[in-house]
PDB file of all heavy atoms in Angstrom:
ATOM      1  N   HIS A   1     258.264 142.858 107.357  1.00  0.00           N
ATOM      2  CA  HIS A   1     257.084 142.121 107.832  1.00  0.00           C
ATOM      3  C   HIS A   1     256.474 142.762 109.079  1.00  0.00           C
ATOM      4  O   HIS A   1     255.869 142.084 109.910  1.00  0.00           O
ATOM      5  CB  HIS A   1     257.418 140.650 108.102  1.00  0.00           C
ATOM      6  CG  HIS A   1     257.012 139.751 106.977  1.00  0.00           C
ATOM      7  ND1 HIS A   1     256.103 138.736 107.101  1.00  0.00           N
ATOM      8  CD2 HIS A   1     257.366 139.750 105.675  1.00  0.00           C
ATOM      9  CE1 HIS A   1     255.932 138.134 105.952  1.00  0.00           C
ATOM     10  NE2 HIS A   1     256.691 138.727 105.069  1.00  0.00           N
ATOM     11  N   GLU A   2     256.642 144.068 109.203  1.00  0.00           N
ATOM     12  CA  GLU A   2     256.055 144.805 110.318  1.00  0.00           C
ATOM     13  C   GLU A   2     254.735 145.418 109.868  1.00  0.00           C
ATOM     14  O   GLU A   2     254.685 146.173 108.889  1.00  0.00           O
ATOM     15  CB  GLU A   2     257.015 145.879 110.812  1.00  0.00           C
ATOM     16  CG  GLU A   2     258.289 145.307 111.423  1.00  0.00           C
ATOM     17  CD  GLU A   2     259.213 146.395 111.938  1.00  0.00           C
ATOM     18  OE1 GLU A   2     258.707 147.502 112.257  1.00  0.00           O
ATOM     19  OE2 GLU A   2     260.425 146.154 112.006  1.00  0.00           O
ATOM     20  N   ASP A   3     253.683 145.114 110.606  1.00  0.00           N
ATOM     21  CA  ASP A   3     252.322 145.469 110.213  1.00  0.00           C
ATOM     22  C   ASP A   3     252.166 146.957 109.883  1.00  0.00           C
ATOM     23  O   ASP A   3     251.642 147.321 108.826  1.00  0.00           O
ATOM     24  CB  ASP A   3     251.356 145.067 111.334  1.00  0.00           C
ATOM     25  CG  ASP A   3     249.913 145.199 110.931  1.00  0.00           C
ATOM     26  OD1 ASP A   3     249.352 146.300 111.070  1.00  0.00           O
ATOM     27  OD2 ASP A   3     249.343 144.195 110.481  1.00  0.00           O
ATOM     28  N   LYS A   4     252.617 147.824 110.762  1.00  0.00           N
ATOM     29  CA  LYS A   4     252.414 149.258 110.564  1.00  0.00           C
ATOM     30  C   LYS A   4     253.137 149.769 109.323  1.00  0.00           C
ATOM     31  O   LYS A   4     252.601 150.573 108.552  1.00  0.00           O
ATOM     32  CB  LYS A   4     252.881 150.030 111.803  1.00  0.00           C
ATOM     33  CG  LYS A   4     251.997 149.822 113.021  1.00  0.00           C
ATOM     34  CD  LYS A   4     252.479 150.660 114.201  1.00  0.00           C
ATOM     35  CE  LYS A   4     251.582 150.448 115.421  1.00  0.00           C
ATOM     36  NZ  LYS A   4     252.051 151.255 116.592  1.00  0.00           N
ATOM     37  N   LYS A   5     254.368 149.328 109.122  1.00  0.00           N
ATOM     38  CA  LYS A   5     255.139 149.764 107.966  1.00  0.00           C
ATOM     39  C   LYS A   5     254.492 149.286 106.670  1.00  0.00           C
ATOM     40  O   LYS A   5     254.394 150.037 105.689  1.00  0.00           O
ATOM     41  CB  LYS A   5     256.571 149.234 108.059  1.00  0.00           C
ATOM     42  CG  LYS A   5     257.399 149.835 109.176  1.00  0.00           C
ATOM     43  CD  LYS A   5     258.798 149.267 109.181  1.00  0.00           C
ATOM     44  CE  LYS A   5     259.642 149.880 110.305  1.00  0.00           C
ATOM     45  NZ  LYS A   5     261.015 149.302 110.325  1.00  0.00           N
ATOM     46  N   VAL A   6     254.048 148.028 106.677  1.00  0.00           N
ATOM     47  CA  VAL A   6     253.452 147.462 105.467  1.00  0.00           C
ATOM     48  C   VAL A   6     252.127 148.151 105.141  1.00  0.00           C
ATOM     49  O   VAL A   6     251.832 148.437 103.978  1.00  0.00           O
ATOM     50  CB  VAL A   6     253.266 145.939 105.619  1.00  0.00           C
ATOM     51  CG1 VAL A   6     252.520 145.367 104.419  1.00  0.00           C
ATOM     52  CG2 VAL A   6     254.621 145.256 105.764  1.00  0.00           C
ATOM     53  N   ARG A   7     251.335 148.450 106.159  1.00  0.00           N
ATOM     54  CA  ARG A   7     250.059 149.136 105.918  1.00  0.00           C
ATOM     55  C   ARG A   7     250.298 150.535 105.340  1.00  0.00           C
ATOM     56  O   ARG A   7     249.528 151.008 104.501  1.00  0.00           O
ATOM     57  CB  ARG A   7     249.249 149.224 107.208  1.00  0.00           C
ATOM     58  CG  ARG A   7     248.647 147.896 107.632  1.00  0.00           C
ATOM     59  CD  ARG A   7     247.701 148.050 108.812  1.00  0.00           C
ATOM     60  NE  ARG A   7     247.227 146.744 109.253  1.00  0.00           N
ATOM     61  CZ  ARG A   7     246.240 146.080 108.675  1.00  0.00           C
ATOM     62  NH1 ARG A   7     245.602 146.621 107.646  1.00  0.00           N
ATOM     63  NH2 ARG A   7     245.871 144.906 109.117  1.00  0.00           N
ATOM     64  N   LYS A   8     251.345 151.170 105.790  1.00  0.00           N
ATOM     65  CA  LYS A   8     251.645 152.518 105.298  1.00  0.00           C
ATOM     66  C   LYS A   8     251.962 152.506 103.805  1.00  0.00           C
ATOM     67  O   LYS A   8     251.401 153.293 103.028  1.00  0.00           O
ATOM     68  CB  LYS A   8     252.813 153.110 106.086  1.00  0.00           C
ATOM     69  CG  LYS A   8     253.212 154.522 105.645  1.00  0.00           C
ATOM     70  CD  LYS A   8     254.355 155.037 106.504  1.00  0.00           C
ATOM     71  CE  LYS A   8     254.751 156.458 106.125  1.00  0.00           C
ATOM     72  NZ  LYS A   8     255.291 156.529 104.744  1.00  0.00           N
ATOM     73  N   ILE A   9     252.857 151.610 103.403  1.00  0.00           N
ATOM     74  CA  ILE A   9     253.209 151.595 101.981  1.00  0.00           C
ATOM     75  C   ILE A   9     252.088 150.994 101.143  1.00  0.00           C
ATOM     76  O   ILE A   9     251.936 151.334  99.970  1.00  0.00           O
ATOM     77  CB  ILE A   9     254.535 150.848 101.729  1.00  0.00           C
ATOM     78  CG1 ILE A   9     254.389 149.357 102.030  1.00  0.00           C
ATOM     79  CG2 ILE A   9     255.659 151.451 102.509  1.00  0.00           C
ATOM     80  CD1 ILE A   9     255.512 148.541 101.423  1.00  0.00           C
ATOM     81  N   MET A  10     251.274 150.094 101.733  1.00  0.00           N
ATOM     82  CA  MET A  10     250.147 149.548 100.987  1.00  0.00           C
ATOM     83  C   MET A  10     249.180 150.658 100.588  1.00  0.00           C
ATOM     84  O   MET A  10     248.645 150.669  99.475  1.00  0.00           O
ATOM     85  CB  MET A  10     249.404 148.485 101.801  1.00  0.00           C
ATOM     86  CG  MET A  10     248.263 147.825 101.028  1.00  0.00           C
ATOM     87  SD  MET A  10     247.423 146.509 101.933  1.00  0.00           S
ATOM     88  CE  MET A  10     246.513 147.480 103.117  1.00  0.00           C
ATOM     89  N   ALA A  11     248.973 151.617 101.498  1.00  0.00           N
ATOM     90  CA  ALA A  11     248.092 152.748 101.191  1.00  0.00           C
ATOM     91  C   ALA A  11     248.673 153.582 100.046  1.00  0.00           C
ATOM     92  O   ALA A  11     247.941 154.035  99.153  1.00  0.00           O
ATOM     93  CB  ALA A  11     247.905 153.608 102.431  1.00  0.00           C
ATOM     94  N   GLU A  12     249.989 153.768 100.032  1.00  0.00           N
ATOM     95  CA  GLU A  12     250.638 154.519  98.954  1.00  0.00           C
ATOM     96  C   GLU A  12     250.503 153.778  97.626  1.00  0.00           C
ATOM     97  O   GLU A  12     250.194 154.382  96.586  1.00  0.00           O
ATOM     98  CB  GLU A  12     252.111 154.738  99.285  1.00  0.00           C
ATOM     99  CG  GLU A  12     252.365 155.602 100.517  1.00  0.00           C
ATOM    100  CD  GLU A  12     253.845 155.726 100.826  1.00  0.00           C
ATOM    101  OE1 GLU A  12     254.665 155.321  99.970  1.00  0.00           O
ATOM    102  OE2 GLU A  12     254.191 156.217 101.925  1.00  0.00           O
ATOM    103  N   LEU A  13     250.750 152.481  97.656  1.00  0.00           N
ATOM    104  CA  LEU A  13     250.664 151.678  96.432  1.00  0.00           C
ATOM    105  C   LEU A  13     249.233 151.644  95.900  1.00  0.00           C
ATOM    106  O   LEU A  13     249.005 151.756  94.688  1.00  0.00           O
ATOM    107  CB  LEU A  13     251.153 150.255  96.723  1.00  0.00           C
ATOM    108  CG  LEU A  13     252.639 150.111  97.044  1.00  0.00           C
ATOM    109  CD1 LEU A  13     252.925 148.744  97.647  1.00  0.00           C
ATOM    110  CD2 LEU A  13     253.482 150.326  95.789  1.00  0.00           C
ATOM    111  N   ARG A  14     248.283 151.511  96.801  1.00  0.00           N
ATOM    112  CA  ARG A  14     246.876 151.474  96.410  1.00  0.00           C
ATOM    113  C   ARG A  14     246.483 152.777  95.725  1.00  0.00           C
ATOM    114  O   ARG A  14     245.814 152.771  94.684  1.00  0.00           O
ATOM    115  CB  ARG A  14     246.013 151.235  97.657  1.00  0.00           C
ATOM    116  CG  ARG A  14     244.528 151.194  97.409  1.00  0.00           C
ATOM    117  CD  ARG A  14     243.799 150.862  98.693  1.00  0.00           C
ATOM    118  NE  ARG A  14     242.368 150.795  98.508  1.00  0.00           N
ATOM    119  CZ  ARG A  14     241.507 150.420  99.443  1.00  0.00           C
ATOM    120  NH1 ARG A  14     241.949 150.080 100.641  1.00  0.00           N
ATOM    121  NH2 ARG A  14     240.210 150.382  99.187  1.00  0.00           N
ATOM    122  N   SER A  15     246.894 153.907  96.286  1.00  0.00           N
ATOM    123  CA  SER A  15     246.576 155.212  95.708  1.00  0.00           C
ATOM    124  C   SER A  15     247.197 155.353  94.317  1.00  0.00           C
ATOM    125  O   SER A  15     246.536 155.805  93.370  1.00  0.00           O
ATOM    126  CB  SER A  15     247.077 156.320  96.626  1.00  0.00           C
ATOM    127  OG  SER A  15     246.838 157.588  96.063  1.00  0.00           O
ATOM    128  N   PHE A  16     248.441 154.941  94.178  1.00  0.00           N
ATOM    129  CA  PHE A  16     249.129 155.039  92.879  1.00  0.00           C
ATOM    130  C   PHE A  16     248.419 154.204  91.821  1.00  0.00           C
ATOM    131  O   PHE A  16     248.181 154.672  90.691  1.00  0.00           O
ATOM    132  CB  PHE A  16     250.578 154.585  93.030  1.00  0.00           C
ATOM    133  CG  PHE A  16     251.328 154.519  91.729  1.00  0.00           C
ATOM    134  CD1 PHE A  16     251.898 155.652  91.188  1.00  0.00           C
ATOM    135  CD2 PHE A  16     251.448 153.318  91.048  1.00  0.00           C
ATOM    136  CE1 PHE A  16     252.593 155.592  89.977  1.00  0.00           C
ATOM    137  CE2 PHE A  16     252.124 153.244  89.838  1.00  0.00           C
ATOM    138  CZ  PHE A  16     252.702 154.382  89.301  1.00  0.00           C
ATOM    139  N   LEU A  17     248.066 152.973  92.157  1.00  0.00           N
ATOM    140  CA  LEU A  17     247.433 152.077  91.184  1.00  0.00           C
ATOM    141  C   LEU A  17     246.043 152.563  90.788  1.00  0.00           C
ATOM    142  O   LEU A  17     245.615 152.379  89.638  1.00  0.00           O
ATOM    143  CB  LEU A  17     247.366 150.658  91.751  1.00  0.00           C
ATOM    144  CG  LEU A  17     248.720 149.956  91.942  1.00  0.00           C
ATOM    145  CD1 LEU A  17     248.542 148.645  92.707  1.00  0.00           C
ATOM    146  CD2 LEU A  17     249.386 149.687  90.582  1.00  0.00           C
ATOM    147  N   ASN A  18     245.335 153.170  91.722  1.00  0.00           N
ATOM    148  CA  ASN A  18     244.002 153.701  91.399  1.00  0.00           C
ATOM    149  C   ASN A  18     244.078 154.930  90.491  1.00  0.00           C
ATOM    150  O   ASN A  18     243.140 155.210  89.740  1.00  0.00           O
ATOM    151  CB  ASN A  18     243.251 154.056  92.686  1.00  0.00           C
ATOM    152  CG  ASN A  18     242.565 152.849  93.303  1.00  0.00           C
ATOM    153  OD1 ASN A  18     241.974 152.027  92.597  1.00  0.00           O
ATOM    154  ND2 ASN A  18     242.658 152.724  94.617  1.00  0.00           N
ATOM    155  N   GLU A  19     245.188 155.639  90.559  1.00  0.00           N
ATOM    156  CA  GLU A  19     245.330 156.871  89.777  1.00  0.00           C
ATOM    157  C   GLU A  19     245.956 156.653  88.401  1.00  0.00           C
ATOM    158  O   GLU A  19     245.934 157.558  87.561  1.00  0.00           O
ATOM    159  CB  GLU A  19     246.183 157.872  90.562  1.00  0.00           C
ATOM    160  CG  GLU A  19     245.517 158.389  91.836  1.00  0.00           C
ATOM    161  CD  GLU A  19     246.465 159.204  92.695  1.00  0.00           C
ATOM    162  OE1 GLU A  19     247.643 159.342  92.284  1.00  0.00           O
ATOM    163  OE2 GLU A  19     246.045 159.679  93.764  1.00  0.00           O
ATOM    164  N   THR A  20     246.520 155.456  88.158  1.00  0.00           N
ATOM    165  CA  THR A  20     247.255 155.238  86.910  1.00  0.00           C
ATOM    166  C   THR A  20     246.803 154.006  86.118  1.00  0.00           C
ATOM    167  O   THR A  20     247.631 153.309  85.528  1.00  0.00           O
ATOM    168  CB  THR A  20     248.762 155.102  87.215  1.00  0.00           C
ATOM    169  OG1 THR A  20     248.944 154.010  88.153  1.00  0.00           O
ATOM    170  CG2 THR A  20     249.330 156.376  87.784  1.00  0.00           C
ATOM    171  N   PRO A  21     245.500 153.691  86.079  1.00  0.00           N
ATOM    172  CA  PRO A  21     245.088 152.476  85.366  1.00  0.00           C
ATOM    173  C   PRO A  21     245.393 152.527  83.876  1.00  0.00           C
ATOM    174  O   PRO A  21     245.643 151.494  83.247  1.00  0.00           O
ATOM    175  CB  PRO A  21     243.574 152.430  85.610  1.00  0.00           C
ATOM    176  CG  PRO A  21     243.185 153.846  85.853  1.00  0.00           C
ATOM    177  CD  PRO A  21     244.345 154.437  86.598  1.00  0.00           C
ATOM    178  N   GLN A  22     245.398 153.727  83.305  1.00  0.00           N
ATOM    179  CA  GLN A  22     245.615 153.870  81.869  1.00  0.00           C
ATOM    180  C   GLN A  22     247.060 153.580  81.470  1.00  0.00           C
ATOM    181  O   GLN A  22     247.359 153.380  80.284  1.00  0.00           O
ATOM    182  CB  GLN A  22     245.222 155.292  81.420  1.00  0.00           C
ATOM    183  CG  GLN A  22     246.176 156.391  81.845  1.00  0.00           C
ATOM    184  CD  GLN A  22     245.990 156.811  83.299  1.00  0.00           C
ATOM    185  OE1 GLN A  22     245.118 156.284  84.004  1.00  0.00           O
ATOM    186  NE2 GLN A  22     246.804 157.759  83.751  1.00  0.00           N
ATOM    187  N   LEU A  23     247.968 153.551  82.440  1.00  0.00           N
ATOM    188  CA  LEU A  23     249.378 153.315  82.144  1.00  0.00           C
ATOM    189  C   LEU A  23     249.731 151.827  82.062  1.00  0.00           C
ATOM    190  O   LEU A  23     250.831 151.474  81.620  1.00  0.00           O
ATOM    191  CB  LEU A  23     250.258 153.998  83.192  1.00  0.00           C
ATOM    192  CG  LEU A  23     250.145 155.523  83.293  1.00  0.00           C
ATOM    193  CD1 LEU A  23     251.104 156.041  84.356  1.00  0.00           C
ATOM    194  CD2 LEU A  23     250.425 156.172  81.940  1.00  0.00           C
ATOM    195  N   TYR A  24     248.842 150.949  82.523  1.00  0.00           N
ATOM    196  CA  TYR A  24     249.133 149.509  82.485  1.00  0.00           C
ATOM    197  C   TYR A  24     249.265 149.070  81.030  1.00  0.00           C
ATOM    198  O   TYR A  24     248.472 149.482  80.188  1.00  0.00           O
ATOM    199  CB  TYR A  24     247.989 148.742  83.163  1.00  0.00           C
ATOM    200  CG  TYR A  24     248.333 147.308  83.493  1.00  0.00           C
ATOM    201  CD1 TYR A  24     248.871 146.977  84.720  1.00  0.00           C
ATOM    202  CD2 TYR A  24     248.148 146.299  82.568  1.00  0.00           C
ATOM    203  CE1 TYR A  24     249.203 145.659  85.027  1.00  0.00           C
ATOM    204  CE2 TYR A  24     248.472 144.989  82.856  1.00  0.00           C
ATOM    205  CZ  TYR A  24     249.005 144.673  84.083  1.00  0.00           C
ATOM    206  OH  TYR A  24     249.338 143.374  84.381  1.00  0.00           O
ATOM    207  N   PRO A  25     250.278 148.263  80.652  1.00  0.00           N
ATOM    208  CA  PRO A  25     251.227 147.548  81.504  1.00  0.00           C
ATOM    209  C   PRO A  25     252.630 148.163  81.514  1.00  0.00           C
ATOM    210  O   PRO A  25     253.611 147.418  81.349  1.00  0.00           O
ATOM    211  CB  PRO A  25     251.242 146.180  80.852  1.00  0.00           C
ATOM    212  CG  PRO A  25     251.161 146.510  79.364  1.00  0.00           C
ATOM    213  CD  PRO A  25     250.316 147.737  79.266  1.00  0.00           C
ATOM    214  N   GLU A  26     252.749 149.451  81.713  1.00  0.00           N
ATOM    215  CA  GLU A  26     254.078 150.035  81.831  1.00  0.00           C
ATOM    216  C   GLU A  26     254.784 149.470  83.058  1.00  0.00           C
ATOM    217  O   GLU A  26     254.151 149.051  84.024  1.00  0.00           O
ATOM    218  CB  GLU A  26     253.980 151.562  81.920  1.00  0.00           C
ATOM    219  CG  GLU A  26     253.536 152.214  80.616  1.00  0.00           C
ATOM    220  CD  GLU A  26     253.555 153.725  80.692  1.00  0.00           C
ATOM    221  OE1 GLU A  26     254.026 154.269  81.722  1.00  0.00           O
ATOM    222  OE2 GLU A  26     253.088 154.368  79.724  1.00  0.00           O
ATOM    223  N   SER A  27     256.119 149.484  83.012  1.00  0.00           N
ATOM    224  CA  SER A  27     256.914 148.794  84.031  1.00  0.00           C
ATOM    225  C   SER A  27     256.620 149.274  85.447  1.00  0.00           C
ATOM    226  O   SER A  27     256.459 148.462  86.365  1.00  0.00           O
ATOM    227  CB  SER A  27     258.407 148.965  83.722  1.00  0.00           C
ATOM    228  OG  SER A  27     258.757 150.333  83.669  1.00  0.00           O
ATOM    229  N   GLU A  28     256.522 150.599  85.649  1.00  0.00           N
ATOM    230  CA  GLU A  28     256.327 151.103  87.006  1.00  0.00           C
ATOM    231  C   GLU A  28     255.003 150.618  87.582  1.00  0.00           C
ATOM    232  O   GLU A  28     254.930 150.252  88.764  1.00  0.00           O
ATOM    233  CB  GLU A  28     256.370 152.631  87.025  1.00  0.00           C
ATOM    234  CG  GLU A  28     256.307 153.198  88.447  1.00  0.00           C
ATOM    235  CD  GLU A  28     256.394 154.709  88.488  1.00  0.00           C
ATOM    236  OE1 GLU A  28     256.418 155.336  87.413  1.00  0.00           O
ATOM    237  OE2 GLU A  28     256.429 155.255  89.608  1.00  0.00           O
ATOM    238  N   VAL A  29     253.943 150.586  86.765  1.00  0.00           N
ATOM    239  CA  VAL A  29     252.640 150.129  87.246  1.00  0.00           C
ATOM    240  C   VAL A  29     252.690 148.641  87.586  1.00  0.00           C
ATOM    241  O   VAL A  29     252.167 148.205  88.616  1.00  0.00           O
ATOM    242  CB  VAL A  29     251.539 150.398  86.193  1.00  0.00           C
ATOM    243  CG1 VAL A  29     250.180 149.912  86.708  1.00  0.00           C
ATOM    244  CG2 VAL A  29     251.480 151.872  85.850  1.00  0.00           C
ATOM    245  N   CYS A  30     253.336 147.859  86.739  1.00  0.00           N
ATOM    246  CA  CYS A  30     253.452 146.418  87.001  1.00  0.00           C
ATOM    247  C   CYS A  30     254.263 146.155  88.266  1.00  0.00           C
ATOM    248  O   CYS A  30     253.923 145.280  89.068  1.00  0.00           O
ATOM    249  CB  CYS A  30     254.085 145.715  85.806  1.00  0.00           C
ATOM    250  SG  CYS A  30     253.027 145.613  84.347  1.00  0.00           S
ATOM    251  N   PHE A  31     255.358 146.913  88.459  1.00  0.00           N
ATOM    252  CA  PHE A  31     256.174 146.741  89.660  1.00  0.00           C
ATOM    253  C   PHE A  31     255.361 147.082  90.911  1.00  0.00           C
ATOM    254  O   PHE A  31     255.399 146.358  91.911  1.00  0.00           O
ATOM    255  CB  PHE A  31     257.415 147.635  89.594  1.00  0.00           C
ATOM    256  CG  PHE A  31     258.394 147.237  88.531  1.00  0.00           C
ATOM    257  CD1 PHE A  31     259.252 148.176  87.971  1.00  0.00           C
ATOM    258  CD2 PHE A  31     258.464 145.936  88.084  1.00  0.00           C
ATOM    259  CE1 PHE A  31     260.159 147.818  86.985  1.00  0.00           C
ATOM    260  CE2 PHE A  31     259.360 145.559  87.098  1.00  0.00           C
ATOM    261  CZ  PHE A  31     260.211 146.512  86.540  1.00  0.00           C
ATOM    262  N   ARG A  32     254.629 148.195  90.850  1.00  0.00           N
ATOM    263  CA  ARG A  32     253.835 148.608  92.015  1.00  0.00           C
ATOM    264  C   ARG A  32     252.719 147.593  92.307  1.00  0.00           C
ATOM    265  O   ARG A  32     252.364 147.373  93.459  1.00  0.00           O
ATOM    266  CB  ARG A  32     253.226 149.992  91.782  1.00  0.00           C
ATOM    267  CG  ARG A  32     254.179 151.149  91.606  1.00  0.00           C
ATOM    268  CD  ARG A  32     255.013 151.448  92.856  1.00  0.00           C
ATOM    269  NE  ARG A  32     256.265 150.723  92.863  1.00  0.00           N
ATOM    270  CZ  ARG A  32     257.384 151.131  92.275  1.00  0.00           C
ATOM    271  NH1 ARG A  32     257.407 152.261  91.621  1.00  0.00           N
ATOM    272  NH2 ARG A  32     258.482 150.407  92.358  1.00  0.00           N
TER     273      ARG A  32
END
């Protein structure tokens, strides 16, 4: 629940989800 840490991984998750829309609903995309 630390702001800086959460913002860092949120940016990573956001990038991954934007790059892999065609993979939904595979498990990794749903987990992310």
